[in-house]
Amino acid sequence: MCFRTFTLKNAFLLMIMTVALGPLSSAQTESNIFLYNKLTDFWPQGGLIEDGAGNLYGTTRGGGTYGVGTVYELSPPAVSGATWNQTILYSFVPYGGGGFVPISDLVKDKNGALYGTFYFGGDPTCNCGGVYKLTPPAVTGGAWTESAIYNFKTSDGHLPTTGALALTPNGTLYGTTLQGGTWDSGVLYKLATKDGITYSESVLYSFGNLSDASTPNGPIVLDSKGFLYGVTSLGGVFNQGTVYKYVPAANGNPAVESVLFSFGGSKSSGSTPVGDLVFDASGNLYGVTTYGGSANDGLVYELSPGNSTWTETVLYVFSKSSGANPLGGLTWNPTNNNLYGTTSALNGQASGGGTVFKLIPPAVSGGAWTESTLFNFIYETSGGGPTGGIRRDTKTGSLYGTCLQGAIGHNDWYWGTAWQIANP
């Protein structure tokens, strides 16, 4: 047997960052659309999703009726530029089987129900976390209904990851856990349903044997064939993280998991991949690593498929002066192939708390990508420490996201913000 340790480096991906104060500096028009505070809800670790009417949905780790997290809705103001209106849809409860401390980005089904993961609670014998569903009311203004559709046990998963669940049109959910499984290095799981009420869980794969992928920490991406892709923070040939692929069993063929790329072969290749992956039209994958690069501040990479192995190309290397340690992964504009993301720390300012960046592809194949810093976060004014994914509005092109900490609200400076960047 081979067991891997859940290290402090991995804990960094979930913990609140300690920061200082300083002046505002901005390279792009950014606005705080909402300031979280201790009186309602706070610490929005996940990103935001959007409905057809322009409302945004997200979660907080703290606050609510019992202080252990919420799911909320942000509605656009009647007057442009004003603060958005928040409605708390559900306050998690720190007892019973419903779970508490929601940590993942949300996903939404065709009926408006929201799905995510909670880090604590669930099975009382395990306290291993679980998966919840939040169903909208039948009548406008009514109460949303939360149900824990699965509570993990140590054997089948332990501590769900912060990445969003993958949701198929027939209601099947895919996700990962940080621990549990055969090697206690996390699992890839599936939740199937016939009626949207009762779900059956199955462990598709246990990570972590020898040089295999270990400790998954990002969302699942499905391709057009139904194959699953994701990242792990440990494992691989150098035990510094991987991008993996899982092909489900079909037509009498067994399921197959494979490591597409092992990080850490050199400092320049990056280490600890995390966050959202992006596919382009040619099947190339794009993502970020939290560490690695010339100053160990992380980088943006591209993986191109080959016959047996995938080839990495480093597109951009971060530095402490321009933002460091990306956590949320990438999103993109399919019309021009621009990539967008955030860094979680620093940016050259006295109290810099990360950045929003844009990567522009080269005009000639094989040329250098161009990085543009859209905004420098400052903790006591605009927030800091963005950890969730970026949401791009496909109609307007605006970017939306959250900062885990920062911004003044109710005489406090560390409860977090929701932000918008128009016309990036």
Protein backbone atom coordinates (compact mmCIF):
# COMPACT_ATOMS: atom_id res chain seq x y z
CA MET A 1 0.00 0.00 0.00
CA CYS A 2 1.04 3.58 -0.64
CA PHE A 3 -0.37 6.43 1.45
CA ARG A 4 0.17 10.12 0.75
CA THR A 5 0.09 12.85 3.35
CA PHE A 6 -2.35 15.75 3.11
CA THR A 7 0.27 18.47 3.52
CA LEU A 8 0.15 22.10 4.61
CA LYS A 9 0.62 23.06 0.97
CA ASN A 10 -2.78 21.49 0.23
CA ALA A 11 -4.32 23.09 3.27
CA PHE A 12 -3.26 26.45 1.80
CA LEU A 13 -5.86 25.95 -0.92
CA LEU A 14 -8.65 26.00 1.67
CA MET A 15 -7.42 28.26 4.45
CA ILE A 16 -7.89 31.99 4.89
CA MET A 17 -4.83 34.03 4.08
CA THR A 18 -3.26 36.51 6.52
CA VAL A 19 -2.69 39.93 4.96
CA ALA A 20 -1.66 43.57 5.54
CA LEU A 21 -3.05 46.98 4.48
CA GLY A 22 -2.14 49.58 1.84
CA PRO A 23 -3.31 52.01 -0.91
CA LEU A 24 -5.48 51.31 -3.96
CA SER A 25 -4.03 50.77 -7.42
CA SER A 26 -6.07 49.82 -10.49
CA ALA A 27 -5.26 49.07 -14.10
CA GLN A 28 -8.87 48.50 -15.19
CA THR A 29 -12.40 49.61 -14.28
CA GLU A 30 -13.48 47.40 -11.40
CA SER A 31 -16.43 47.76 -9.07
CA ASN A 32 -17.37 46.03 -5.86
CA ILE A 33 -20.94 44.94 -6.44
CA PHE A 34 -21.36 43.61 -2.90
CA LEU A 35 -19.51 43.79 0.44
CA TYR A 36 -19.96 40.81 2.73
CA ASN A 37 -20.02 41.38 6.48
CA LYS A 38 -20.24 39.56 9.81
CA LEU A 39 -23.89 40.53 10.30
CA THR A 40 -25.11 38.48 7.34
CA ASP A 41 -22.59 36.21 5.60
CA PHE A 42 -18.86 36.26 4.92
CA TRP A 43 -15.82 34.51 3.38
CA PRO A 44 -17.04 33.69 -0.15
CA GLN A 45 -14.52 31.01 -1.09
CA GLY A 46 -16.27 29.85 -4.26
CA GLY A 47 -16.97 31.82 -7.41
CA LEU A 48 -20.29 32.93 -8.89
CA ILE A 49 -22.71 31.50 -11.45
CA GLU A 50 -25.29 33.44 -13.45
CA ASP A 51 -28.86 32.79 -14.56
CA GLY A 52 -30.61 34.03 -17.69
CA ALA A 53 -31.89 37.14 -15.93
CA GLY A 54 -28.43 38.29 -14.86
CA ASN A 55 -28.71 37.22 -11.21
CA LEU A 56 -25.60 35.75 -9.59
CA TYR A 57 -25.44 32.85 -7.11
CA GLY A 58 -22.69 31.88 -4.71
CA THR A 59 -21.81 30.56 -1.26
CA THR A 60 -20.05 31.75 1.86
CA ARG A 61 -18.11 29.66 4.37
CA GLY A 62 -19.35 31.73 7.31
CA GLY A 63 -22.39 33.65 8.42
CA GLY A 64 -26.07 32.96 8.06
CA THR A 65 -28.45 32.11 10.89
CA TYR A 66 -26.03 29.67 12.52
CA GLY A 67 -22.72 31.14 11.41
CA VAL A 68 -21.66 28.15 9.30
CA GLY A 69 -22.34 29.32 5.75
CA THR A 70 -24.97 30.34 3.23
CA VAL A 71 -26.14 30.10 -0.35
CA TYR A 72 -27.14 33.52 -1.67
CA GLU A 73 -28.42 35.36 -4.74
CA LEU A 74 -27.17 38.75 -5.96
CA SER A 75 -29.63 40.71 -8.13
CA PRO A 76 -28.57 43.63 -10.35
CA PRO A 77 -29.58 47.10 -9.07
CA ALA A 78 -32.25 49.19 -10.78
CA VAL A 79 -29.69 51.98 -11.22
CA SER A 80 -26.42 51.13 -12.93
CA GLY A 81 -23.44 51.38 -10.61
CA ALA A 82 -25.37 50.90 -7.38
CA THR A 83 -24.78 48.00 -4.99
CA TRP A 84 -26.39 44.72 -5.96
CA ASN A 85 -29.17 43.31 -3.79
CA GLN A 86 -28.46 40.18 -1.80
CA THR A 87 -30.98 37.51 -0.80
CA ILE A 88 -29.83 34.65 1.40
CA LEU A 89 -31.49 31.56 -0.03
CA TYR A 90 -30.36 29.13 2.66
CA SER A 91 -28.44 29.14 5.94
CA PHE A 92 -26.62 25.90 6.71
CA VAL A 93 -27.23 24.17 10.04
CA PRO A 94 -24.35 22.80 12.17
CA TYR A 95 -26.27 19.72 13.34
CA GLY A 96 -28.35 16.97 11.79
CA GLY A 97 -27.41 15.39 8.50
CA GLY A 98 -27.59 18.43 6.23
CA GLY A 99 -23.93 19.41 6.50
CA PHE A 100 -22.35 22.85 6.80
CA VAL A 101 -19.53 25.12 5.56
CA PRO A 102 -20.18 25.10 1.79
CA ILE A 103 -16.91 25.36 -0.13
CA SER A 104 -17.49 24.68 -3.82
CA ASP A 105 -18.60 26.72 -6.77
CA LEU A 106 -22.25 26.02 -7.58
CA VAL A 107 -23.81 24.33 -10.60
CA LYS A 108 -27.40 24.84 -11.71
CA ASP A 109 -29.79 22.45 -13.48
CA LYS A 110 -32.51 23.25 -16.04
CA ASN A 111 -35.13 23.53 -13.29
CA GLY A 112 -33.15 26.11 -11.33
CA ALA A 113 -31.91 23.81 -8.58
CA LEU A 114 -28.40 24.48 -7.26
CA TYR A 115 -25.79 21.85 -6.33
CA GLY A 116 -22.60 22.07 -4.30
CA THR A 117 -20.53 20.45 -1.59
CA PHE A 118 -20.19 21.03 2.14
CA TYR A 119 -16.93 20.42 3.97
CA PHE A 120 -18.19 19.39 7.41
CA GLY A 121 -21.11 17.44 8.79
CA GLY A 122 -23.13 14.82 6.98
CA ASP A 123 -22.72 11.31 8.36
CA PRO A 124 -22.40 11.80 12.16
CA THR A 125 -20.02 8.85 12.50
CA CYS A 126 -17.61 10.37 9.96
CA ASN A 127 -18.17 14.14 9.67
CA CYS A 128 -16.69 13.76 6.18
CA GLY A 129 -18.77 16.31 4.30
CA GLY A 130 -21.17 15.71 1.44
CA VAL A 131 -23.14 16.94 -1.56
CA TYR A 132 -26.29 19.06 -1.30
CA LYS A 133 -29.12 20.15 -3.55
CA LEU A 134 -31.00 23.42 -3.09
CA THR A 135 -34.43 23.38 -4.74
CA PRO A 136 -36.21 26.66 -5.57
CA PRO A 137 -39.67 27.35 -4.13
CA ALA A 138 -42.82 26.53 -6.11
CA VAL A 139 -44.10 30.07 -5.39
CA THR A 140 -42.03 33.22 -5.86
CA GLY A 141 -40.77 34.42 -2.52
CA GLY A 142 -41.11 31.06 -0.83
CA ALA A 143 -38.36 29.17 0.96
CA TRP A 144 -35.70 27.18 -0.85
CA THR A 145 -35.32 23.57 0.28
CA GLU A 146 -31.93 22.02 1.04
CA SER A 147 -31.31 18.30 1.00
CA ALA A 148 -28.08 16.38 1.52
CA ILE A 149 -28.18 14.05 -1.47
CA TYR A 150 -25.08 12.21 -0.30
CA ASN A 151 -22.99 12.12 2.90
CA PHE A 152 -19.49 10.69 2.54
CA LYS A 153 -17.95 7.98 4.66
CA THR A 154 -14.22 7.44 5.01
CA SER A 155 -14.22 4.42 2.72
CA ASP A 156 -15.94 6.15 -0.20
CA GLY A 157 -14.51 9.63 0.07
CA HIS A 158 -13.59 12.13 2.73
CA LEU A 159 -13.67 15.94 2.47
CA PRO A 160 -15.02 17.06 -0.93
CA THR A 161 -12.88 19.39 -3.03
CA THR A 162 -13.62 23.06 -3.66
CA GLY A 163 -14.15 22.58 -7.40
CA ALA A 164 -17.61 22.68 -8.92
CA LEU A 165 -19.42 19.42 -9.56
CA ALA A 166 -19.91 18.31 -13.16
CA LEU A 167 -23.61 18.02 -14.02
CA THR A 168 -24.92 16.14 -17.07
CA PRO A 169 -28.27 16.83 -18.80
CA ASN A 170 -29.78 13.67 -17.24
CA GLY A 171 -28.91 14.85 -13.72
CA THR A 172 -25.79 12.75 -13.09
CA LEU A 173 -23.18 14.48 -10.92
CA TYR A 174 -19.42 13.87 -10.87
CA GLY A 175 -16.99 15.13 -8.25
CA THR A 176 -13.86 14.40 -6.23
CA THR A 177 -12.75 14.26 -2.61
CA LEU A 178 -9.41 15.23 -1.10
CA GLN A 179 -9.12 12.09 1.00
CA GLY A 180 -10.67 8.65 1.37
CA GLY A 181 -10.68 5.71 -0.99
CA THR A 182 -8.30 2.75 -1.17
CA TRP A 183 -5.14 4.81 -0.67
CA ASP A 184 -6.69 7.64 1.37
CA SER A 185 -5.65 10.03 -1.40
CA GLY A 186 -9.08 10.97 -2.69
CA VAL A 187 -11.68 9.51 -5.04
CA LEU A 188 -13.55 10.31 -8.23
CA TYR A 189 -17.25 9.64 -7.58
CA LYS A 190 -20.54 9.58 -9.43
CA LEU A 191 -24.03 10.40 -8.15
CA ALA A 192 -26.79 8.98 -10.36
CA THR A 193 -30.53 9.64 -10.07
CA LYS A 194 -33.74 8.66 -11.83
CA ASP A 195 -36.10 11.11 -10.16
CA GLY A 196 -33.89 13.99 -8.93
CA ILE A 197 -34.71 13.04 -5.35
CA THR A 198 -32.87 9.83 -4.57
CA TYR A 199 -29.21 9.51 -5.59
CA SER A 200 -26.92 6.49 -5.64
CA GLU A 201 -23.19 7.03 -5.17
CA SER A 202 -20.42 4.98 -6.73
CA VAL A 203 -16.67 5.39 -6.45
CA LEU A 204 -15.32 5.38 -9.99
CA TYR A 205 -11.66 5.60 -9.03
CA SER A 206 -9.41 5.76 -5.96
CA PHE A 207 -6.38 8.02 -6.49
CA GLY A 208 -2.93 7.71 -5.05
CA ASN A 209 -1.19 4.41 -5.72
CA LEU A 210 2.56 4.98 -6.26
CA SER A 211 3.09 7.48 -9.14
CA ASP A 212 -0.61 7.81 -9.83
CA ALA A 213 -2.50 11.09 -9.49
CA SER A 214 -3.19 11.93 -5.83
CA THR A 215 -5.28 14.42 -3.84
CA PRO A 216 -7.62 15.94 -6.48
CA ASN A 217 -8.36 19.61 -5.93
CA GLY A 218 -10.22 20.99 -8.93
CA PRO A 219 -13.53 20.59 -10.77
CA ILE A 220 -14.30 17.83 -13.23
CA VAL A 221 -14.41 18.73 -16.95
CA LEU A 222 -16.40 16.55 -19.35
CA ASP A 223 -15.55 16.40 -23.05
CA SER A 224 -17.96 15.62 -25.90
CA LYS A 225 -17.28 11.88 -25.56
CA GLY A 226 -18.12 11.81 -21.85
CA PHE A 227 -14.48 11.47 -20.74
CA LEU A 228 -13.58 13.17 -17.47
CA TYR A 229 -10.57 15.43 -16.80
CA GLY A 230 -9.21 17.09 -13.68
CA VAL A 231 -6.15 18.07 -11.65
CA THR A 232 -4.51 16.76 -8.49
CA SER A 233 -2.19 18.67 -6.17
CA LEU A 234 0.02 15.66 -5.47
CA GLY A 235 1.01 12.47 -7.22
CA GLY A 236 2.55 11.85 -10.60
CA VAL A 237 6.15 10.96 -11.30
CA PHE A 238 7.48 13.82 -9.13
CA ASN A 239 4.64 13.93 -6.57
CA GLN A 240 3.93 17.59 -7.41
CA GLY A 241 0.58 17.18 -9.10
CA THR A 242 -1.01 15.95 -12.31
CA VAL A 243 -3.63 16.43 -14.97
CA TYR A 244 -5.55 13.17 -15.31
CA LYS A 245 -8.14 11.64 -17.64
CA TYR A 246 -10.81 9.09 -16.79
CA VAL A 247 -12.58 7.06 -19.49
CA PRO A 248 -15.73 5.38 -18.11
CA ALA A 249 -16.46 1.73 -18.78
CA ALA A 250 -18.43 1.24 -22.01
CA ASN A 251 -19.27 -1.45 -24.55
CA GLY A 252 -17.61 -4.16 -22.50
CA ASN A 253 -14.39 -2.17 -22.06
CA PRO A 254 -13.20 -1.45 -18.50
CA ALA A 255 -12.80 2.05 -17.14
CA VAL A 256 -9.32 3.53 -17.56
CA GLU A 257 -7.62 6.32 -15.61
CA SER A 258 -4.41 7.84 -16.97
CA VAL A 259 -2.04 10.64 -16.01
CA LEU A 260 -1.75 13.04 -18.94
CA PHE A 261 1.02 15.11 -17.39
CA SER A 262 3.14 15.05 -14.22
CA PHE A 263 4.23 18.44 -12.90
CA GLY A 264 7.54 19.04 -11.12
CA GLY A 265 9.95 17.60 -13.67
CA SER A 266 11.66 20.97 -13.47
CA LYS A 267 10.92 24.21 -11.66
CA SER A 268 9.75 25.71 -14.93
CA SER A 269 7.02 23.10 -15.41
CA GLY A 270 5.04 24.27 -12.38
CA SER A 271 3.70 22.40 -9.36
CA THR A 272 0.37 22.01 -7.57
CA PRO A 273 -2.10 22.48 -10.43
CA VAL A 274 -5.49 23.74 -9.25
CA GLY A 275 -8.78 25.22 -10.44
CA ASP A 276 -10.78 25.19 -13.65
CA LEU A 277 -9.41 23.62 -16.82
CA VAL A 278 -10.32 25.02 -20.24
CA PHE A 279 -10.53 23.12 -23.54
CA ASP A 280 -10.00 24.86 -26.87
CA ALA A 281 -11.46 23.75 -30.20
CA SER A 282 -8.35 21.69 -30.99
CA GLY A 283 -8.52 19.67 -27.78
CA ASN A 284 -5.72 21.47 -25.97
CA LEU A 285 -6.11 22.00 -22.21
CA TYR A 286 -5.27 25.19 -20.32
CA GLY A 287 -4.81 25.62 -16.58
CA VAL A 288 -2.76 27.13 -13.76
CA THR A 289 -0.36 25.90 -11.10
CA THR A 290 -0.17 27.57 -7.70
CA TYR A 291 3.58 27.09 -7.46
CA GLY A 292 6.54 26.66 -9.79
CA GLY A 293 8.07 29.02 -12.28
CA SER A 294 11.21 31.11 -11.81
CA ALA A 295 10.12 32.55 -8.44
CA ASN A 296 7.81 29.72 -7.35
CA ASP A 297 4.78 32.01 -7.78
CA GLY A 298 2.85 29.82 -10.23
CA LEU A 299 2.21 29.82 -13.96
CA VAL A 300 -0.31 29.31 -16.78
CA TYR A 301 0.20 26.21 -18.94
CA GLU A 302 -1.14 24.58 -22.09
CA LEU A 303 -1.22 20.80 -22.58
CA SER A 304 -1.38 19.50 -26.15
CA PRO A 305 -2.46 15.89 -26.81
CA GLY A 306 -0.10 13.35 -28.34
CA ASN A 307 -0.17 9.66 -29.13
CA SER A 308 0.93 8.53 -25.67
CA THR A 309 1.85 11.64 -23.67
CA TRP A 310 0.74 15.25 -23.61
CA THR A 311 3.18 18.13 -24.11
CA GLU A 312 3.30 21.14 -21.81
CA THR A 313 3.87 24.70 -23.00
CA VAL A 314 4.25 27.40 -20.34
CA LEU A 315 2.29 30.46 -21.47
CA TYR A 316 3.04 32.83 -18.58
CA VAL A 317 5.04 32.83 -15.34
CA PHE A 318 3.76 34.88 -12.39
CA SER A 319 5.88 37.03 -10.09
CA LYS A 320 5.34 38.72 -6.75
CA SER A 321 5.23 42.12 -8.42
CA SER A 322 2.47 41.16 -10.86
CA GLY A 323 0.45 38.78 -8.67
CA ALA A 324 1.25 35.29 -7.41
CA ASN A 325 -0.24 31.88 -6.57
CA PRO A 326 -3.35 31.49 -8.76
CA LEU A 327 -6.03 29.25 -7.24
CA GLY A 328 -9.22 29.64 -9.28
CA GLY A 329 -8.15 28.31 -12.67
CA LEU A 330 -9.14 29.89 -15.98
CA THR A 331 -12.08 30.96 -18.08
CA TRP A 332 -11.99 32.09 -21.70
CA ASN A 333 -13.62 34.10 -24.46
CA PRO A 334 -14.25 31.67 -27.35
CA THR A 335 -14.53 34.49 -29.90
CA ASN A 336 -10.91 35.63 -29.52
CA ASN A 337 -9.40 32.86 -27.31
CA ASN A 338 -8.41 35.28 -24.56
CA LEU A 339 -7.90 33.56 -21.21
CA TYR A 340 -8.89 35.14 -17.87
CA GLY A 341 -7.96 34.26 -14.31
CA THR A 342 -6.93 35.54 -10.90
CA THR A 343 -3.91 35.38 -8.63
CA SER A 344 -4.56 35.04 -4.92
CA ALA A 345 -1.70 37.05 -3.42
CA LEU A 346 0.57 40.08 -3.88
CA ASN A 347 0.78 42.43 -6.87
CA GLY A 348 3.54 44.90 -6.07
CA GLN A 349 1.38 47.08 -3.82
CA ALA A 350 1.95 47.46 -0.08
CA SER A 351 -1.20 45.46 0.71
CA GLY A 352 -1.68 43.78 -2.62
CA GLY A 353 -4.14 40.91 -2.52
CA GLY A 354 -3.88 39.38 -5.98
CA THR A 355 -4.94 40.34 -9.47
CA VAL A 356 -7.34 39.71 -12.32
CA PHE A 357 -5.36 38.99 -15.47
CA LYS A 358 -5.94 38.48 -19.19
CA LEU A 359 -3.77 36.40 -21.53
CA ILE A 360 -3.96 37.26 -25.22
CA PRO A 361 -2.92 34.58 -27.72
CA PRO A 362 -0.14 35.30 -30.21
CA ALA A 363 -0.96 36.51 -33.71
CA VAL A 364 1.36 33.84 -35.12
CA SER A 365 1.27 30.21 -34.03
CA GLY A 366 4.10 29.48 -31.61
CA GLY A 367 4.54 33.11 -30.59
CA ALA A 368 4.40 34.46 -27.06
CA TRP A 369 1.14 35.09 -25.22
CA THR A 370 0.69 38.60 -23.84
CA GLU A 371 -0.36 39.15 -20.24
CA SER A 372 -2.38 42.17 -19.20
CA THR A 373 -3.24 42.91 -15.56
CA LEU A 374 -6.86 44.04 -15.53
CA PHE A 375 -6.99 44.87 -11.82
CA ASN A 376 -4.81 44.90 -8.70
CA PHE A 377 -6.75 44.02 -5.53
CA ILE A 378 -6.05 46.00 -2.34
CA TYR A 379 -7.37 44.42 0.82
CA GLU A 380 -8.98 47.34 2.67
CA THR A 381 -10.66 48.90 -0.35
CA SER A 382 -11.39 46.38 -3.10
CA GLY A 383 -10.83 43.03 -1.37
CA GLY A 384 -8.14 40.42 -1.69
CA GLY A 385 -7.38 36.73 -1.98
CA PRO A 386 -9.69 35.57 -4.80
CA THR A 387 -9.93 31.78 -4.67
CA GLY A 388 -12.99 30.86 -6.75
CA GLY A 389 -13.37 30.71 -10.50
CA ILE A 390 -14.20 33.71 -12.72
CA ARG A 391 -17.61 33.95 -14.38
CA ARG A 392 -17.74 35.56 -17.83
CA ASP A 393 -21.11 36.93 -18.95
CA THR A 394 -21.53 35.66 -22.51
CA LYS A 395 -23.86 38.56 -23.41
CA THR A 396 -21.87 41.51 -22.10
CA GLY A 397 -18.37 40.03 -21.71
CA SER A 398 -18.18 41.32 -18.12
CA LEU A 399 -16.22 39.29 -15.59
CA TYR A 400 -17.57 38.44 -12.12
CA GLY A 401 -15.85 36.93 -9.12
CA THR A 402 -15.34 37.02 -5.37
CA CYS A 403 -12.56 37.84 -2.93
CA LEU A 404 -12.31 35.66 0.14
CA GLN A 405 -11.27 38.60 2.32
CA GLY A 406 -10.92 42.33 2.39
CA ALA A 407 -12.89 45.55 1.80
CA ILE A 408 -14.36 47.79 4.46
CA GLY A 409 -17.87 46.90 5.56
CA HIS A 410 -19.51 47.49 8.94
CA ASN A 411 -16.17 48.77 10.28
CA ASP A 412 -14.42 45.52 9.41
CA TRP A 413 -11.99 44.89 6.58
CA TYR A 414 -11.78 41.15 6.12
CA TRP A 415 -15.17 39.68 5.22
CA GLY A 416 -14.84 39.58 1.43
CA THR A 417 -16.32 41.12 -1.71
CA ALA A 418 -18.08 40.30 -4.96
CA TRP A 419 -16.66 42.22 -7.92
CA GLN A 420 -17.25 43.03 -11.57
CA ILE A 421 -14.93 44.09 -14.37
CA ALA A 422 -16.77 45.54 -17.37
CA ASN A 423 -15.42 45.33 -20.92
CA PRO A 424 -12.21 43.45 -20.12
